[in-house]
Amino acid sequence: MGAHSLEGKLFIMGSQSTGYVEVLVNRPGLLNELLDDAEVALRQAAMTQRCAGILVTRHYPGRYTLEFSDTVPFGETWEQTLS
């Protein structure tokens, strides 16, 4: 797993082959960029494996996970918020 810290943001990436990425950010203005980058990385892995769709989960402000999910149709991305 690699971690990158630039200008007040932290992006932790899990293994694309396992279909899991975690995004942590402390600057809200960077959130969409980081989530988009993570989704692109997972989508590329999903295309080669032709497995599942991508589920984006907001755990709390600043912490998101993206992962392959059998409940999401291949080629789609769904979002959920945990309470």
C-alpha atoms as a PDB file:
ATOM      1  CA  MET A   1       0.000   0.000   0.000  1.00  0.00           C
ATOM      2  CA  GLY A   2       1.381   3.431  -0.896  1.00  0.00           C
ATOM      3  CA  ALA A   3       0.712   6.746   0.790  1.00  0.00           C
ATOM      4  CA  HIS A   4       1.199  10.141  -0.782  1.00  0.00           C
ATOM      5  CA  SER A   5       1.054  13.463   1.069  1.00  0.00           C
ATOM      6  CA  LEU A   6       0.967  16.686  -0.939  1.00  0.00           C
ATOM      7  CA  GLU A   7      -0.105  20.153   0.171  1.00  0.00           C
ATOM      8  CA  GLY A   8      -2.204  19.037   3.128  1.00  0.00           C
ATOM      9  CA  LYS A   9      -3.816  16.029   1.497  1.00  0.00           C
ATOM     10  CA  LEU A  10      -3.221  12.375   2.176  1.00  0.00           C
ATOM     11  CA  PHE A  11      -4.132   9.686  -0.315  1.00  0.00           C
ATOM     12  CA  ILE A  12      -3.671   6.074   0.719  1.00  0.00           C
ATOM     13  CA  MET A  13      -4.035   3.515  -1.987  1.00  0.00           C
ATOM     14  CA  GLY A  14      -4.579  -0.170  -1.415  1.00  0.00           C
ATOM     15  CA  SER A  15      -3.981  -2.839  -3.990  1.00  0.00           C
ATOM     16  CA  GLN A  16      -5.894  -2.313  -7.220  1.00  0.00           C
ATOM     17  CA  SER A  17      -5.809  -6.060  -7.817  1.00  0.00           C
ATOM     18  CA  THR A  18      -7.779  -6.599  -4.608  1.00  0.00           C
ATOM     19  CA  GLY A  19     -10.104  -3.801  -5.640  1.00  0.00           C
ATOM     20  CA  TYR A  20      -9.725  -1.555  -2.606  1.00  0.00           C
ATOM     21  CA  VAL A  21      -8.619   2.078  -2.289  1.00  0.00           C
ATOM     22  CA  GLU A  22      -8.852   4.352   0.744  1.00  0.00           C
ATOM     23  CA  VAL A  23      -8.849   8.135   0.397  1.00  0.00           C
ATOM     24  CA  LEU A  24      -8.116  10.419   3.347  1.00  0.00           C
ATOM     25  CA  VAL A  25      -8.158  14.165   2.823  1.00  0.00           C
ATOM     26  CA  ASN A  26      -8.056  17.158   5.133  1.00  0.00           C
ATOM     27  CA  ARG A  27      -8.600  19.822   2.458  1.00  0.00           C
ATOM     28  CA  PRO A  28     -12.163  19.604   1.111  1.00  0.00           C
ATOM     29  CA  GLY A  29     -11.195  21.397  -2.103  1.00  0.00           C
ATOM     30  CA  LEU A  30      -9.079  18.384  -3.105  1.00  0.00           C
ATOM     31  CA  LEU A  31     -11.665  15.706  -2.359  1.00  0.00           C
ATOM     32  CA  ASN A  32     -13.183  15.379  -5.832  1.00  0.00           C
ATOM     33  CA  GLU A  33      -9.758  15.190  -7.485  1.00  0.00           C
ATOM     34  CA  LEU A  34      -8.631  12.397  -5.160  1.00  0.00           C
ATOM     35  CA  LEU A  35     -11.865  10.435  -5.508  1.00  0.00           C
ATOM     36  CA  ASP A  36     -11.732  10.772  -9.297  1.00  0.00           C
ATOM     37  CA  ASP A  37      -8.122   9.541  -9.365  1.00  0.00           C
ATOM     38  CA  ALA A  38      -8.980   6.565  -7.163  1.00  0.00           C
ATOM     39  CA  GLU A  39     -12.016   5.674  -9.288  1.00  0.00           C
ATOM     40  CA  VAL A  40      -9.960   5.801 -12.495  1.00  0.00           C
ATOM     41  CA  ALA A  41      -7.366   3.448 -10.981  1.00  0.00           C
ATOM     42  CA  LEU A  42     -10.012   0.949  -9.878  1.00  0.00           C
ATOM     43  CA  ARG A  43     -11.954   1.216 -13.129  1.00  0.00           C
ATOM     44  CA  GLN A  44      -8.801   0.297 -15.077  1.00  0.00           C
ATOM     45  CA  ALA A  45      -8.315  -2.769 -12.871  1.00  0.00           C
ATOM     46  CA  ALA A  46     -11.989  -3.704 -13.233  1.00  0.00           C
ATOM     47  CA  MET A  47     -11.782  -3.506 -17.025  1.00  0.00           C
ATOM     48  CA  THR A  48      -8.952  -6.030 -17.156  1.00  0.00           C
ATOM     49  CA  GLN A  49     -10.651  -8.359 -14.675  1.00  0.00           C
ATOM     50  CA  ARG A  50     -14.203  -7.687 -15.936  1.00  0.00           C
ATOM     51  CA  CYS A  51     -15.432  -8.333 -12.422  1.00  0.00           C
ATOM     52  CA  ALA A  52     -17.734  -6.038 -10.464  1.00  0.00           C
ATOM     53  CA  GLY A  53     -18.764  -2.417 -10.219  1.00  0.00           C
ATOM     54  CA  ILE A  54     -17.282   0.128  -7.818  1.00  0.00           C
ATOM     55  CA  LEU A  55     -18.819   1.118  -4.493  1.00  0.00           C
ATOM     56  CA  VAL A  56     -17.718   4.439  -2.966  1.00  0.00           C
ATOM     57  CA  THR A  57     -18.376   4.689   0.784  1.00  0.00           C
ATOM     58  CA  ARG A  58     -18.169   7.889   2.819  1.00  0.00           C
ATOM     59  CA  HIS A  59     -17.257   6.818   6.343  1.00  0.00           C
ATOM     60  CA  TYR A  60     -16.982  10.357   7.696  1.00  0.00           C
ATOM     61  CA  PRO A  61     -15.870  13.706   6.255  1.00  0.00           C
ATOM     62  CA  GLY A  62     -12.408  13.181   4.850  1.00  0.00           C
ATOM     63  CA  ARG A  63     -12.434   9.349   4.782  1.00  0.00           C
ATOM     64  CA  TYR A  64     -13.706   7.405   1.799  1.00  0.00           C
ATOM     65  CA  THR A  65     -13.176   3.889   0.520  1.00  0.00           C
ATOM     66  CA  LEU A  66     -13.633   2.630  -3.007  1.00  0.00           C
ATOM     67  CA  GLU A  67     -13.893  -1.076  -3.673  1.00  0.00           C
ATOM     68  CA  PHE A  68     -15.130  -3.673  -6.096  1.00  0.00           C
ATOM     69  CA  SER A  69     -18.632  -4.801  -5.191  1.00  0.00           C
ATOM     70  CA  ASP A  70     -20.716  -7.677  -6.529  1.00  0.00           C
ATOM     71  CA  THR A  71     -23.854  -5.674  -5.678  1.00  0.00           C
ATOM     72  CA  VAL A  72     -22.863  -2.959  -8.180  1.00  0.00           C
ATOM     73  CA  PRO A  73     -23.237  -3.859 -11.870  1.00  0.00           C
ATOM     74  CA  PHE A  74     -20.015  -4.055 -13.860  1.00  0.00           C
ATOM     75  CA  GLY A  75     -19.168  -0.661 -15.385  1.00  0.00           C
ATOM     76  CA  GLU A  76     -21.111   1.345 -12.792  1.00  0.00           C
ATOM     77  CA  THR A  77     -20.101   3.293  -9.682  1.00  0.00           C
ATOM     78  CA  TRP A  78     -22.494   3.658  -6.747  1.00  0.00           C
ATOM     79  CA  GLU A  79     -22.118   5.782  -3.642  1.00  0.00           C
ATOM     80  CA  GLN A  80     -23.199   5.240  -0.060  1.00  0.00           C
ATOM     81  CA  THR A  81     -22.801   7.144   3.216  1.00  0.00           C
ATOM     82  CA  LEU A  82     -22.391   5.352   6.520  1.00  0.00           C
ATOM     83  CA  SER A  83     -24.199   6.945   9.423  1.00  0.00           C
END
